[in-house]
C-alpha atoms as a PDB file:
ATOM      1  CA  MET A   1      41.685  46.501  44.222  1.00  0.00           C
ATOM      2  CA  ASN A   2      44.185  48.572  42.359  1.00  0.00           C
ATOM      3  CA  TYR A   3      43.919  47.511  38.844  1.00  0.00           C
ATOM      4  CA  THR A   4      47.187  49.129  37.877  1.00  0.00           C
ATOM      5  CA  LYS A   5      49.173  47.023  40.383  1.00  0.00           C
ATOM      6  CA  GLY A   6      51.405  44.863  38.231  1.00  0.00           C
ATOM      7  CA  TYR A   7      50.874  46.788  35.060  1.00  0.00           C
ATOM      8  CA  LEU A   8      54.048  46.811  32.912  1.00  0.00           C
ATOM      9  CA  GLN A   9      55.613  44.195  35.294  1.00  0.00           C
ATOM     10  CA  GLU A  10      57.364  41.228  33.431  1.00  0.00           C
ATOM     11  CA  TYR A  11      58.207  38.167  35.386  1.00  0.00           C
ATOM     12  CA  ARG A  12      59.825  34.888  34.202  1.00  0.00           C
ATOM     13  CA  TYR A  13      56.645  32.831  33.722  1.00  0.00           C
ATOM     14  CA  GLN A  14      54.451  34.339  30.989  1.00  0.00           C
ATOM     15  CA  ILE A  15      51.001  33.592  29.599  1.00  0.00           C
ATOM     16  CA  PRO A  16      50.072  35.310  26.340  1.00  0.00           C
ATOM     17  CA  LEU A  17      46.241  35.998  26.411  1.00  0.00           C
ATOM     18  CA  HIS A  18      45.630  36.770  22.684  1.00  0.00           C
ATOM     19  CA  ARG A  19      43.261  39.452  23.747  1.00  0.00           C
ATOM     20  CA  PRO A  20      43.604  43.238  23.911  1.00  0.00           C
ATOM     21  CA  GLY A  21      43.148  43.306  27.621  1.00  0.00           C
ATOM     22  CA  VAL A  22      43.055  41.561  30.965  1.00  0.00           C
ATOM     23  CA  LEU A  23      39.604  40.827  32.671  1.00  0.00           C
ATOM     24  CA  ALA A  24      39.421  42.578  36.023  1.00  0.00           C
ATOM     25  CA  HIS A  25      38.078  39.548  37.890  1.00  0.00           C
ATOM     26  CA  THR A  26      41.091  37.513  36.902  1.00  0.00           C
ATOM     27  CA  LEU A  27      43.306  40.141  38.367  1.00  0.00           C
ATOM     28  CA  LYS A  28      41.464  40.029  41.538  1.00  0.00           C
ATOM     29  CA  TRP A  29      41.728  36.304  41.606  1.00  0.00           C
ATOM     30  CA  ALA A  30      45.589  36.548  41.089  1.00  0.00           C
ATOM     31  CA  GLU A  31      45.791  39.160  43.901  1.00  0.00           C
ATOM     32  CA  LYS A  32      43.920  36.918  46.299  1.00  0.00           C
ATOM     33  CA  ASN A  33      45.504  33.593  45.298  1.00  0.00           C
ATOM     34  CA  CYS A  34      49.067  34.142  44.030  1.00  0.00           C
ATOM     35  CA  LYS A  35      51.962  33.678  46.502  1.00  0.00           C
ATOM     36  CA  GLY A  36      54.420  35.577  44.458  1.00  0.00           C
ATOM     37  CA  GLU A  37      54.333  38.788  42.405  1.00  0.00           C
ATOM     38  CA  PHE A  38      52.382  38.947  39.066  1.00  0.00           C
ATOM     39  CA  GLY A  39      51.959  41.497  36.373  1.00  0.00           C
ATOM     40  CA  TRP A  40      50.644  42.187  33.052  1.00  0.00           C
ATOM     41  CA  TYR A  41      51.577  44.059  29.954  1.00  0.00           C
ATOM     42  CA  PHE A  42      51.173  44.365  26.232  1.00  0.00           C
ATOM     43  CA  ASP A  43      53.161  42.572  23.574  1.00  0.00           C
ATOM     44  CA  THR A  44      54.213  44.337  20.350  1.00  0.00           C
ATOM     45  CA  GLU A  45      50.874  43.320  18.821  1.00  0.00           C
ATOM     46  CA  SER A  46      48.963  45.023  21.587  1.00  0.00           C
ATOM     47  CA  LYS A  47      47.845  41.699  23.088  1.00  0.00           C
ATOM     48  CA  ALA A  48      47.836  41.272  26.843  1.00  0.00           C
ATOM     49  CA  VAL A  49      50.322  38.962  28.650  1.00  0.00           C
ATOM     50  CA  MET A  50      50.104  37.760  32.208  1.00  0.00           C
ATOM     51  CA  SER A  51      53.357  37.186  33.932  1.00  0.00           C
ATOM     52  CA  PHE A  52      54.320  35.571  37.248  1.00  0.00           C
ATOM     53  CA  GLU A  53      57.215  35.414  39.556  1.00  0.00           C
ATOM     54  CA  LYS A  54      56.424  31.824  40.544  1.00  0.00           C
ATOM     55  CA  GLU A  55      55.830  28.968  38.227  1.00  0.00           C
ATOM     56  CA  LYS A  56      53.150  27.433  40.481  1.00  0.00           C
ATOM     57  CA  ASP A  57      51.147  30.669  40.358  1.00  0.00           C
ATOM     58  CA  SER A  58      51.280  30.780  36.567  1.00  0.00           C
ATOM     59  CA  ILE A  59      50.070  27.242  36.334  1.00  0.00           C
ATOM     60  CA  LEU A  60      47.180  27.645  38.714  1.00  0.00           C
ATOM     61  CA  TRP A  61      46.114  30.968  37.018  1.00  0.00           C
ATOM     62  CA  TYR A  62      46.307  29.285  33.561  1.00  0.00           C
ATOM     63  CA  LEU A  63      44.241  26.203  34.759  1.00  0.00           C
ATOM     64  CA  ARG A  64      41.600  28.506  36.318  1.00  0.00           C
ATOM     65  CA  TRP A  65      41.215  31.246  33.583  1.00  0.00           C
ATOM     66  CA  ILE A  66      42.466  30.109  30.205  1.00  0.00           C
ATOM     67  CA  ASP A  67      39.073  28.808  29.008  1.00  0.00           C
ATOM     68  CA  GLU A  68      37.671  32.353  29.641  1.00  0.00           C
ATOM     69  CA  TYR A  69      40.367  34.009  27.491  1.00  0.00           C
ATOM     70  CA  THR A  70      39.900  31.465  24.578  1.00  0.00           C
ATOM     71  CA  ARG A  71      36.166  31.789  24.452  1.00  0.00           C
ATOM     72  CA  GLN A  72      35.031  33.581  21.186  1.00  0.00           C
ATOM     73  CA  ASP A  73      32.276  35.625  22.921  1.00  0.00           C
ATOM     74  CA  ILE A  74      34.206  37.954  25.170  1.00  0.00           C
END
């Protein structure tokens, strides 16, 4: 997996992660399961944001991974 694929790509559907990075296994999941393009970048506060070309991909990613990004122990 090329972890820089999608870096600095902004698409219509965005999910702020409220963390200073994106977990590698969630990028692998997106690469395997998303039908459209996806990307990730950092907002003005240096917090990671995932973005998706297709709304369905963003919803599926959110449902699968958001608990991991909201846990306090990572």
